[in-house]
All heavy atoms as atom14 arrays in JSON, in Angstrom:
{
  "sequence": "GAGDGFAVGMISALLENHSFADAVKRANWVGSRAVQSRGDMEGL",
  "atom14_mask": [
    [1, 1, 1, 1, 0, 0, 0, 0, 0, 0, 0, 0, 0, 0],
    [1, 1, 1, 1, 1, 0, 0, 0, 0, 0, 0, 0, 0, 0],
    [1, 1, 1, 1, 0, 0, 0, 0, 0, 0, 0, 0, 0, 0],
    [1, 1, 1, 1, 1, 1, 1, 1, 0, 0, 0, 0, 0, 0],
    [1, 1, 1, 1, 0, 0, 0, 0, 0, 0, 0, 0, 0, 0],
    [1, 1, 1, 1, 1, 1, 1, 1, 1, 1, 1, 0, 0, 0],
    [1, 1, 1, 1, 1, 0, 0, 0, 0, 0, 0, 0, 0, 0],
    [1, 1, 1, 1, 1, 1, 1, 0, 0, 0, 0, 0, 0, 0],
    [1, 1, 1, 1, 0, 0, 0, 0, 0, 0, 0, 0, 0, 0],
    [1, 1, 1, 1, 1, 1, 1, 1, 0, 0, 0, 0, 0, 0],
    [1, 1, 1, 1, 1, 1, 1, 1, 0, 0, 0, 0, 0, 0],
    [1, 1, 1, 1, 1, 1, 0, 0, 0, 0, 0, 0, 0, 0],
    [1, 1, 1, 1, 1, 0, 0, 0, 0, 0, 0, 0, 0, 0],
    [1, 1, 1, 1, 1, 1, 1, 1, 0, 0, 0, 0, 0, 0],
    [1, 1, 1, 1, 1, 1, 1, 1, 0, 0, 0, 0, 0, 0],
    [1, 1, 1, 1, 1, 1, 1, 1, 1, 0, 0, 0, 0, 0],
    [1, 1, 1, 1, 1, 1, 1, 1, 0, 0, 0, 0, 0, 0],
    [1, 1, 1, 1, 1, 1, 1, 1, 1, 1, 0, 0, 0, 0],
    [1, 1, 1, 1, 1, 1, 0, 0, 0, 0, 0, 0, 0, 0],
    [1, 1, 1, 1, 1, 1, 1, 1, 1, 1, 1, 0, 0, 0],
    [1, 1, 1, 1, 1, 0, 0, 0, 0, 0, 0, 0, 0, 0],
    [1, 1, 1, 1, 1, 1, 1, 1, 0, 0, 0, 0, 0, 0],
    [1, 1, 1, 1, 1, 0, 0, 0, 0, 0, 0, 0, 0, 0],
    [1, 1, 1, 1, 1, 1, 1, 0, 0, 0, 0, 0, 0, 0],
    [1, 1, 1, 1, 1, 1, 1, 1, 1, 0, 0, 0, 0, 0],
    [1, 1, 1, 1, 1, 1, 1, 1, 1, 1, 1, 0, 0, 0],
    [1, 1, 1, 1, 1, 0, 0, 0, 0, 0, 0, 0, 0, 0],
    [1, 1, 1, 1, 1, 1, 1, 1, 0, 0, 0, 0, 0, 0],
    [1, 1, 1, 1, 1, 1, 1, 1, 1, 1, 1, 1, 1, 1],
    [1, 1, 1, 1, 1, 1, 1, 0, 0, 0, 0, 0, 0, 0],
    [1, 1, 1, 1, 0, 0, 0, 0, 0, 0, 0, 0, 0, 0],
    [1, 1, 1, 1, 1, 1, 0, 0, 0, 0, 0, 0, 0, 0],
    [1, 1, 1, 1, 1, 1, 1, 1, 1, 1, 1, 0, 0, 0],
    [1, 1, 1, 1, 1, 0, 0, 0, 0, 0, 0, 0, 0, 0],
    [1, 1, 1, 1, 1, 1, 1, 0, 0, 0, 0, 0, 0, 0],
    [1, 1, 1, 1, 1, 1, 1, 1, 1, 0, 0, 0, 0, 0],
    [1, 1, 1, 1, 1, 1, 0, 0, 0, 0, 0, 0, 0, 0],
    [1, 1, 1, 1, 1, 1, 1, 1, 1, 1, 1, 0, 0, 0],
    [1, 1, 1, 1, 0, 0, 0, 0, 0, 0, 0, 0, 0, 0],
    [1, 1, 1, 1, 1, 1, 1, 1, 0, 0, 0, 0, 0, 0],
    [1, 1, 1, 1, 1, 1, 1, 1, 0, 0, 0, 0, 0, 0],
    [1, 1, 1, 1, 1, 1, 1, 1, 1, 0, 0, 0, 0, 0],
    [1, 1, 1, 1, 0, 0, 0, 0, 0, 0, 0, 0, 0, 0],
    [1, 1, 1, 1, 1, 1, 1, 1, 0, 0, 0, 0, 0, 0]
  ],
  "atom14_positions": [
    [[1.42, -4.86, 10.02], [0.64, -4.71, 8.84], [1.05, -3.67, 7.91], [0.49, -3.49, 6.8], [0.0, 0.0, 0.0], [0.0, 0.0, 0.0], [0.0, 0.0, 0.0], [0.0, 0.0, 0.0], [0.0, 0.0, 0.0], [0.0, 0.0, 0.0], [0.0, 0.0, 0.0], [0.0, 0.0, 0.0], [0.0, 0.0, 0.0], [0.0, 0.0, 0.0]],
    [[2.14, -2.93, 8.24], [2.67, -1.93, 7.29], [3.14, -2.58, 6.01], [2.84, -2.05, 4.89], [3.82, -1.11, 7.94], [0.0, 0.0, 0.0], [0.0, 0.0, 0.0], [0.0, 0.0, 0.0], [0.0, 0.0, 0.0], [0.0, 0.0, 0.0], [0.0, 0.0, 0.0], [0.0, 0.0, 0.0], [0.0, 0.0, 0.0], [0.0, 0.0, 0.0]],
    [[3.84, -3.69, 6.1], [4.34, -4.31, 4.91], [3.18, -4.92, 4.07], [3.26, -4.95, 2.8], [0.0, 0.0, 0.0], [0.0, 0.0, 0.0], [0.0, 0.0, 0.0], [0.0, 0.0, 0.0], [0.0, 0.0, 0.0], [0.0, 0.0, 0.0], [0.0, 0.0, 0.0], [0.0, 0.0, 0.0], [0.0, 0.0, 0.0], [0.0, 0.0, 0.0]],
    [[2.1, -5.33, 4.71], [0.94, -5.81, 3.96], [0.26, -4.65, 3.23], [-0.14, -4.83, 2.11], [-0.11, -6.45, 4.93], [0.56, -7.55, 5.78], [1.52, -8.18, 5.24], [0.07, -7.76, 6.95], [0.0, 0.0, 0.0], [0.0, 0.0, 0.0], [0.0, 0.0, 0.0], [0.0, 0.0, 0.0], [0.0, 0.0, 0.0], [0.0, 0.0, 0.0]],
    [[0.22, -3.51, 3.82], [-0.3, -2.31, 3.16], [0.53, -1.99, 1.98], [-0.07, -1.62, 0.91], [0.0, 0.0, 0.0], [0.0, 0.0, 0.0], [0.0, 0.0, 0.0], [0.0, 0.0, 0.0], [0.0, 0.0, 0.0], [0.0, 0.0, 0.0], [0.0, 0.0, 0.0], [0.0, 0.0, 0.0], [0.0, 0.0, 0.0], [0.0, 0.0, 0.0]],
    [[1.85, -2.08, 2.11], [2.74, -1.85, 0.96], [2.4, -2.76, -0.2], [2.28, -2.33, -1.37], [4.16, -2.08, 1.42], [5.21, -1.74, 0.39], [5.77, -0.45, 0.27], [5.65, -2.71, -0.57], [6.71, -0.15, -0.65], [6.58, -2.37, -1.51], [7.13, -1.13, -1.55], [0.0, 0.0, 0.0], [0.0, 0.0, 0.0], [0.0, 0.0, 0.0]],
    [[2.18, -4.05, 0.14], [1.81, -5.01, -0.94], [0.51, -4.68, -1.61], [0.37, -4.79, -2.82], [1.77, -6.45, -0.36], [0.0, 0.0, 0.0], [0.0, 0.0, 0.0], [0.0, 0.0, 0.0], [0.0, 0.0, 0.0], [0.0, 0.0, 0.0], [0.0, 0.0, 0.0], [0.0, 0.0, 0.0], [0.0, 0.0, 0.0], [0.0, 0.0, 0.0]],
    [[-0.49, -4.27, -0.82], [-1.78, -3.8, -1.38], [-1.58, -2.67, -2.38], [-2.1, -2.73, -3.47], [-2.71, -3.38, -0.27], [-3.95, -2.66, -0.85], [-3.11, -4.55, 0.62], [0.0, 0.0, 0.0], [0.0, 0.0, 0.0], [0.0, 0.0, 0.0], [0.0, 0.0, 0.0], [0.0, 0.0, 0.0], [0.0, 0.0, 0.0], [0.0, 0.0, 0.0]],
    [[-0.77, -1.66, -2.0], [-0.52, -0.54, -2.95], [0.14, -1.01, -4.25], [-0.19, -0.6, -5.33], [0.0, 0.0, 0.0], [0.0, 0.0, 0.0], [0.0, 0.0, 0.0], [0.0, 0.0, 0.0], [0.0, 0.0, 0.0], [0.0, 0.0, 0.0], [0.0, 0.0, 0.0], [0.0, 0.0, 0.0], [0.0, 0.0, 0.0], [0.0, 0.0, 0.0]],
    [[1.23, -1.87, -4.1], [1.93, -2.33, -5.28], [1.07, -3.08, -6.18], [1.0, -2.84, -7.36], [3.12, -3.2, -4.78], [4.27, -2.5, -4.16], [5.13, -1.4, -5.24], [5.55, -2.47, -6.59], [0.0, 0.0, 0.0], [0.0, 0.0, 0.0], [0.0, 0.0, 0.0], [0.0, 0.0, 0.0], [0.0, 0.0, 0.0], [0.0, 0.0, 0.0]],
    [[0.41, -4.12, -5.67], [-0.4, -5.02, -6.49], [-1.49, -4.31, -7.22], [-1.74, -4.43, -8.41], [-0.9, -6.21, -5.68], [0.26, -7.03, -5.15], [-1.82, -7.05, -6.49], [-0.15, -8.0, -4.05], [0.0, 0.0, 0.0], [0.0, 0.0, 0.0], [0.0, 0.0, 0.0], [0.0, 0.0, 0.0], [0.0, 0.0, 0.0], [0.0, 0.0, 0.0]],
    [[-2.28, -3.47, -6.44], [-3.36, -2.73, -6.99], [-2.94, -1.85, -8.15], [-3.57, -1.79, -9.23], [-4.13, -1.97, -5.96], [-3.27, -0.98, -5.41], [0.0, 0.0, 0.0], [0.0, 0.0, 0.0], [0.0, 0.0, 0.0], [0.0, 0.0, 0.0], [0.0, 0.0, 0.0], [0.0, 0.0, 0.0], [0.0, 0.0, 0.0], [0.0, 0.0, 0.0]],
    [[-1.84, -1.16, -7.93], [-1.4, -0.18, -8.99], [-0.85, -0.93, -10.23], [-1.14, -0.55, -11.31], [-0.31, 0.73, -8.38], [0.0, 0.0, 0.0], [0.0, 0.0, 0.0], [0.0, 0.0, 0.0], [0.0, 0.0, 0.0], [0.0, 0.0, 0.0], [0.0, 0.0, 0.0], [0.0, 0.0, 0.0], [0.0, 0.0, 0.0], [0.0, 0.0, 0.0]],
    [[-0.19, -1.96, -10.02], [0.4, -2.7, -11.15], [-0.67, -3.34, -11.99], [-0.65, -3.44, -13.15], [1.42, -3.76, -10.68], [2.72, -3.15, -10.14], [3.63, -4.22, -9.52], [3.5, -2.34, -11.22], [0.0, 0.0, 0.0], [0.0, 0.0, 0.0], [0.0, 0.0, 0.0], [0.0, 0.0, 0.0], [0.0, 0.0, 0.0], [0.0, 0.0, 0.0]],
    [[-1.74, -3.88, -11.26], [-2.92, -4.47, -12.01], [-3.68, -3.45, -12.74], [-4.44, -3.73, -13.66], [-3.74, -5.23, -11.06], [-3.14, -6.53, -10.47], [-4.14, -7.26, -9.57], [-2.64, -7.52, -11.53], [0.0, 0.0, 0.0], [0.0, 0.0, 0.0], [0.0, 0.0, 0.0], [0.0, 0.0, 0.0], [0.0, 0.0, 0.0], [0.0, 0.0, 0.0]],
    [[-3.57, -2.19, -12.38], [-4.2, -1.05, -13.04], [-3.26, -0.43, -14.11], [-3.53, 0.66, -14.63], [-4.63, -0.03, -12.03], [-5.76, -0.55, -11.15], [-6.03, 0.3, -9.95], [-5.41, 1.42, -9.86], [-6.84, -0.1, -9.04], [0.0, 0.0, 0.0], [0.0, 0.0, 0.0], [0.0, 0.0, 0.0], [0.0, 0.0, 0.0], [0.0, 0.0, 0.0]],
    [[-2.12, -1.08, -14.33], [-1.18, -0.7, -15.36], [-0.44, 0.57, -15.11], [0.02, 1.26, -16.03], [-1.86, -0.56, -16.74], [-2.46, -1.92, -17.21], [-1.84, -2.96, -17.12], [-3.71, -1.85, -17.69], [0.0, 0.0, 0.0], [0.0, 0.0, 0.0], [0.0, 0.0, 0.0], [0.0, 0.0, 0.0], [0.0, 0.0, 0.0], [0.0, 0.0, 0.0]],
    [[-0.25, 0.91, -13.83], [0.64, 2.03, -13.44], [2.08, 1.56, -13.65], [2.37, 0.41, -13.59], [0.38, 2.48, -12.02], [-0.92, 3.11, -11.81], [-1.08, 4.48, -11.94], [-2.13, 2.64, -11.48], [-2.38, 4.78, -11.67], [-2.97, 3.65, -11.44], [0.0, 0.0, 0.0], [0.0, 0.0, 0.0], [0.0, 0.0, 0.0], [0.0, 0.0, 0.0]],
    [[3.0, 2.57, -13.7], [4.39, 2.22, -13.79], [4.83, 1.67, -12.47], [4.19, 1.86, -11.42], [5.26, 3.42, -14.15], [5.19, 4.39, -13.02], [0.0, 0.0, 0.0], [0.0, 0.0, 0.0], [0.0, 0.0, 0.0], [0.0, 0.0, 0.0], [0.0, 0.0, 0.0], [0.0, 0.0, 0.0], [0.0, 0.0, 0.0], [0.0, 0.0, 0.0]],
    [[6.03, 0.98, -12.46], [6.51, 0.42, -11.2], [6.82, 1.46, -10.21], [6.53, 1.38, -9.01], [7.71, -0.46, -11.47], [7.85, -1.56, -10.44], [7.08, -2.7, -10.49], [8.81, -1.48, -9.44], [7.23, -3.72, -9.53], [8.94, -2.45, -8.48], [8.14, -3.57, -8.53], [0.0, 0.0, 0.0], [0.0, 0.0, 0.0], [0.0, 0.0, 0.0]],
    [[7.39, 2.61, -10.68], [7.75, 3.75, -9.85], [6.47, 4.27, -9.16], [6.42, 4.59, -7.93], [8.43, 4.82, -10.57], [0.0, 0.0, 0.0], [0.0, 0.0, 0.0], [0.0, 0.0, 0.0], [0.0, 0.0, 0.0], [0.0, 0.0, 0.0], [0.0, 0.0, 0.0], [0.0, 0.0, 0.0], [0.0, 0.0, 0.0], [0.0, 0.0, 0.0]],
    [[5.39, 4.52, -9.93], [4.16, 5.01, -9.38], [3.49, 4.0, -8.46], [2.86, 4.35, -7.52], [3.16, 5.32, -10.5], [3.56, 6.64, -11.23], [4.3, 7.4, -10.65], [3.08, 6.95, -12.3], [0.0, 0.0, 0.0], [0.0, 0.0, 0.0], [0.0, 0.0, 0.0], [0.0, 0.0, 0.0], [0.0, 0.0, 0.0], [0.0, 0.0, 0.0]],
    [[3.64, 2.7, -8.75], [3.16, 1.65, -7.88], [3.82, 1.74, -6.46], [3.2, 1.58, -5.43], [3.3, 0.3, -8.49], [0.0, 0.0, 0.0], [0.0, 0.0, 0.0], [0.0, 0.0, 0.0], [0.0, 0.0, 0.0], [0.0, 0.0, 0.0], [0.0, 0.0, 0.0], [0.0, 0.0, 0.0], [0.0, 0.0, 0.0], [0.0, 0.0, 0.0]],
    [[5.11, 2.01, -6.49], [5.79, 2.15, -5.22], [5.32, 3.38, -4.41], [5.18, 3.27, -3.18], [7.37, 2.2, -5.45], [8.13, 2.47, -4.1], [7.85, 0.92, -6.05], [0.0, 0.0, 0.0], [0.0, 0.0, 0.0], [0.0, 0.0, 0.0], [0.0, 0.0, 0.0], [0.0, 0.0, 0.0], [0.0, 0.0, 0.0], [0.0, 0.0, 0.0]],
    [[5.04, 4.42, -5.08], [4.49, 5.61, -4.42], [3.14, 5.27, -3.75], [2.9, 5.64, -2.62], [4.26, 6.75, -5.43], [5.51, 7.28, -6.04], [5.23, 8.3, -7.11], [6.52, 8.81, -7.79], [6.28, 9.77, -8.89], [0.0, 0.0, 0.0], [0.0, 0.0, 0.0], [0.0, 0.0, 0.0], [0.0, 0.0, 0.0], [0.0, 0.0, 0.0]],
    [[2.25, 4.54, -4.44], [1.02, 4.17, -3.83], [1.27, 3.22, -2.7], [0.65, 3.27, -1.58], [0.08, 3.52, -4.81], [-1.26, 3.14, -4.2], [-2.15, 2.31, -5.15], [-2.68, 3.13, -6.23], [-3.58, 2.62, -7.15], [-3.98, 1.37, -7.03], [-4.01, 3.42, -8.1], [0.0, 0.0, 0.0], [0.0, 0.0, 0.0], [0.0, 0.0, 0.0]],
    [[2.25, 2.26, -2.86], [2.55, 1.28, -1.85], [3.0, 2.0, -0.53], [2.61, 1.64, 0.55], [3.58, 0.36, -2.31], [0.0, 0.0, 0.0], [0.0, 0.0, 0.0], [0.0, 0.0, 0.0], [0.0, 0.0, 0.0], [0.0, 0.0, 0.0], [0.0, 0.0, 0.0], [0.0, 0.0, 0.0], [0.0, 0.0, 0.0], [0.0, 0.0, 0.0]],
    [[3.89, 2.93, -0.69], [4.37, 3.73, 0.48], [3.21, 4.39, 1.17], [3.18, 4.41, 2.43], [5.4, 4.8, 0.02], [6.77, 4.15, -0.19], [7.06, 3.04, 0.1], [7.64, 4.93, -0.81], [0.0, 0.0, 0.0], [0.0, 0.0, 0.0], [0.0, 0.0, 0.0], [0.0, 0.0, 0.0], [0.0, 0.0, 0.0], [0.0, 0.0, 0.0]],
    [[2.33, 4.97, 0.45], [1.18, 5.67, 1.05], [0.28, 4.7, 1.79], [-0.08, 4.99, 2.93], [0.36, 6.44, -0.08], [-0.8, 7.11, 0.6], [-0.81, 8.24, 1.38], [-2.16, 6.63, 0.57], [-2.1, 8.54, 1.8], [-2.95, 7.58, 1.35], [-2.8, 5.53, 0.01], [-4.31, 7.4, 1.51], [-4.21, 5.42, 0.1], [-4.93, 6.3, 0.89]],
    [[-0.08, 3.59, 1.16], [-0.94, 2.65, 1.88], [-0.26, 2.18, 3.11], [-0.87, 2.0, 4.22], [-1.37, 1.51, 0.95], [-2.25, 0.47, 1.72], [-2.09, 2.01, -0.29], [0.0, 0.0, 0.0], [0.0, 0.0, 0.0], [0.0, 0.0, 0.0], [0.0, 0.0, 0.0], [0.0, 0.0, 0.0], [0.0, 0.0, 0.0], [0.0, 0.0, 0.0]],
    [[1.01, 1.87, 3.04], [1.79, 1.42, 4.21], [1.79, 2.45, 5.31], [1.63, 2.12, 6.47], [0.0, 0.0, 0.0], [0.0, 0.0, 0.0], [0.0, 0.0, 0.0], [0.0, 0.0, 0.0], [0.0, 0.0, 0.0], [0.0, 0.0, 0.0], [0.0, 0.0, 0.0], [0.0, 0.0, 0.0], [0.0, 0.0, 0.0], [0.0, 0.0, 0.0]],
    [[1.92, 3.68, 4.95], [1.92, 4.79, 5.93], [0.54, 4.97, 6.59], [0.42, 5.24, 7.78], [2.34, 6.12, 5.29], [1.32, 6.64, 4.49], [0.0, 0.0, 0.0], [0.0, 0.0, 0.0], [0.0, 0.0, 0.0], [0.0, 0.0, 0.0], [0.0, 0.0, 0.0], [0.0, 0.0, 0.0], [0.0, 0.0, 0.0], [0.0, 0.0, 0.0]],
    [[-0.54, 4.68, 5.84], [-1.84, 4.75, 6.35], [-2.12, 3.61, 7.39], [-2.76, 3.81, 8.43], [-2.81, 4.72, 5.23], [-4.26, 5.27, 5.62], [-5.13, 5.22, 4.43], [-6.38, 5.93, 4.68], [-7.4, 5.47, 5.35], [-7.34, 4.28, 5.91], [-8.54, 6.17, 5.53], [0.0, 0.0, 0.0], [0.0, 0.0, 0.0], [0.0, 0.0, 0.0]],
    [[-1.52, 2.46, 7.1], [-1.73, 1.26, 7.96], [-1.13, 1.52, 9.32], [-1.72, 1.03, 10.34], [-1.08, 0.04, 7.3], [0.0, 0.0, 0.0], [0.0, 0.0, 0.0], [0.0, 0.0, 0.0], [0.0, 0.0, 0.0], [0.0, 0.0, 0.0], [0.0, 0.0, 0.0], [0.0, 0.0, 0.0], [0.0, 0.0, 0.0], [0.0, 0.0, 0.0]],
    [[0.01, 2.18, 9.44], [0.65, 2.34, 10.74], [-0.05, 3.4, 11.63], [0.26, 3.54, 12.79], [2.15, 2.68, 10.61], [2.86, 1.64, 9.76], [2.34, 4.06, 10.04], [0.0, 0.0, 0.0], [0.0, 0.0, 0.0], [0.0, 0.0, 0.0], [0.0, 0.0, 0.0], [0.0, 0.0, 0.0], [0.0, 0.0, 0.0], [0.0, 0.0, 0.0]],
    [[-1.04, 4.11, 11.07], [-1.71, 5.11, 11.79], [-3.02, 4.62, 12.46], [-3.72, 5.43, 13.07], [-1.99, 6.34, 10.91], [-0.75, 7.01, 10.37], [-1.06, 8.22, 9.48], [-1.51, 9.25, 9.98], [-0.82, 8.06, 8.18], [0.0, 0.0, 0.0], [0.0, 0.0, 0.0], [0.0, 0.0, 0.0], [0.0, 0.0, 0.0], [0.0, 0.0, 0.0]],
    [[-3.26, 3.3, 12.32], [-4.51, 2.76, 12.88], [-4.1, 1.57, 13.76], [-3.17, 0.83, 13.44], [-5.44, 2.3, 11.8], [-5.89, 3.35, 11.02], [0.0, 0.0, 0.0], [0.0, 0.0, 0.0], [0.0, 0.0, 0.0], [0.0, 0.0, 0.0], [0.0, 0.0, 0.0], [0.0, 0.0, 0.0], [0.0, 0.0, 0.0], [0.0, 0.0, 0.0]],
    [[-4.87, 1.3, 14.8], [-4.62, 0.14, 15.66], [-5.21, -1.05, 14.96], [-6.38, -1.02, 14.51], [-5.26, 0.35, 17.04], [-4.76, -0.61, 18.03], [-5.31, -0.27, 19.48], [-4.99, 1.12, 19.82], [-3.82, 1.52, 20.23], [-2.8, 0.66, 20.36], [-3.6, 2.83, 20.57], [0.0, 0.0, 0.0], [0.0, 0.0, 0.0], [0.0, 0.0, 0.0]],
    [[-4.45, -2.08, 14.9], [-4.97, -3.29, 14.21], [-4.15, -3.57, 12.95], [-3.48, -2.72, 12.44], [0.0, 0.0, 0.0], [0.0, 0.0, 0.0], [0.0, 0.0, 0.0], [0.0, 0.0, 0.0], [0.0, 0.0, 0.0], [0.0, 0.0, 0.0], [0.0, 0.0, 0.0], [0.0, 0.0, 0.0], [0.0, 0.0, 0.0], [0.0, 0.0, 0.0]],
    [[-4.17, -4.87, 12.54], [-3.31, -5.26, 11.39], [-3.8, -4.85, 10.07], [-3.03, -4.58, 9.13], [-3.22, -6.84, 11.37], [-2.52, -7.33, 12.59], [-2.26, -6.61, 13.59], [-2.22, -8.52, 12.66], [0.0, 0.0, 0.0], [0.0, 0.0, 0.0], [0.0, 0.0, 0.0], [0.0, 0.0, 0.0], [0.0, 0.0, 0.0], [0.0, 0.0, 0.0]],
    [[-5.13, -4.68, 9.89], [-5.65, -4.29, 8.55], [-6.73, -3.17, 8.66], [-7.27, -2.81, 7.63], [-6.27, -5.52, 7.87], [-7.28, -6.3, 8.62], [-8.9, -5.57, 8.62], [-9.9, -6.79, 9.46], [0.0, 0.0, 0.0], [0.0, 0.0, 0.0], [0.0, 0.0, 0.0], [0.0, 0.0, 0.0], [0.0, 0.0, 0.0], [0.0, 0.0, 0.0]],
    [[-6.99, -2.68, 9.87], [-8.1, -1.68, 10.02], [-7.77, -0.38, 9.21], [-8.69, 0.28, 8.81], [-8.26, -1.41, 11.49], [-9.12, -2.4, 12.23], [-8.4, -3.75, 12.42], [-7.21, -3.85, 12.15], [-9.12, -4.71, 12.85], [0.0, 0.0, 0.0], [0.0, 0.0, 0.0], [0.0, 0.0, 0.0], [0.0, 0.0, 0.0], [0.0, 0.0, 0.0]],
    [[-6.49, -0.01, 9.06], [-6.15, 1.25, 8.38], [-6.11, 1.13, 6.88], [-5.9, 2.18, 6.21], [0.0, 0.0, 0.0], [0.0, 0.0, 0.0], [0.0, 0.0, 0.0], [0.0, 0.0, 0.0], [0.0, 0.0, 0.0], [0.0, 0.0, 0.0], [0.0, 0.0, 0.0], [0.0, 0.0, 0.0], [0.0, 0.0, 0.0], [0.0, 0.0, 0.0]],
    [[-6.3, -0.05, 6.31], [-6.27, -0.2, 4.87], [-7.43, 0.59, 4.2], [-8.54, 0.46, 4.64], [-6.3, -1.67, 4.47], [-5.09, -2.53, 4.95], [-5.31, -3.94, 4.64], [-3.81, -1.97, 4.35], [0.0, 0.0, 0.0], [0.0, 0.0, 0.0], [0.0, 0.0, 0.0], [0.0, 0.0, 0.0], [0.0, 0.0, 0.0], [0.0, 0.0, 0.0]]
  ]
}
């Protein structure tokens, strides 16, 4: 689910008109949060 979290961060930030670089920052953070919880989407 880490890659899915990355996609959540990217898409949400870009739809909110953030820059691509800032979207990647959010994507990395959401992905890092996902790997700290048991389950595929529980950490989102």
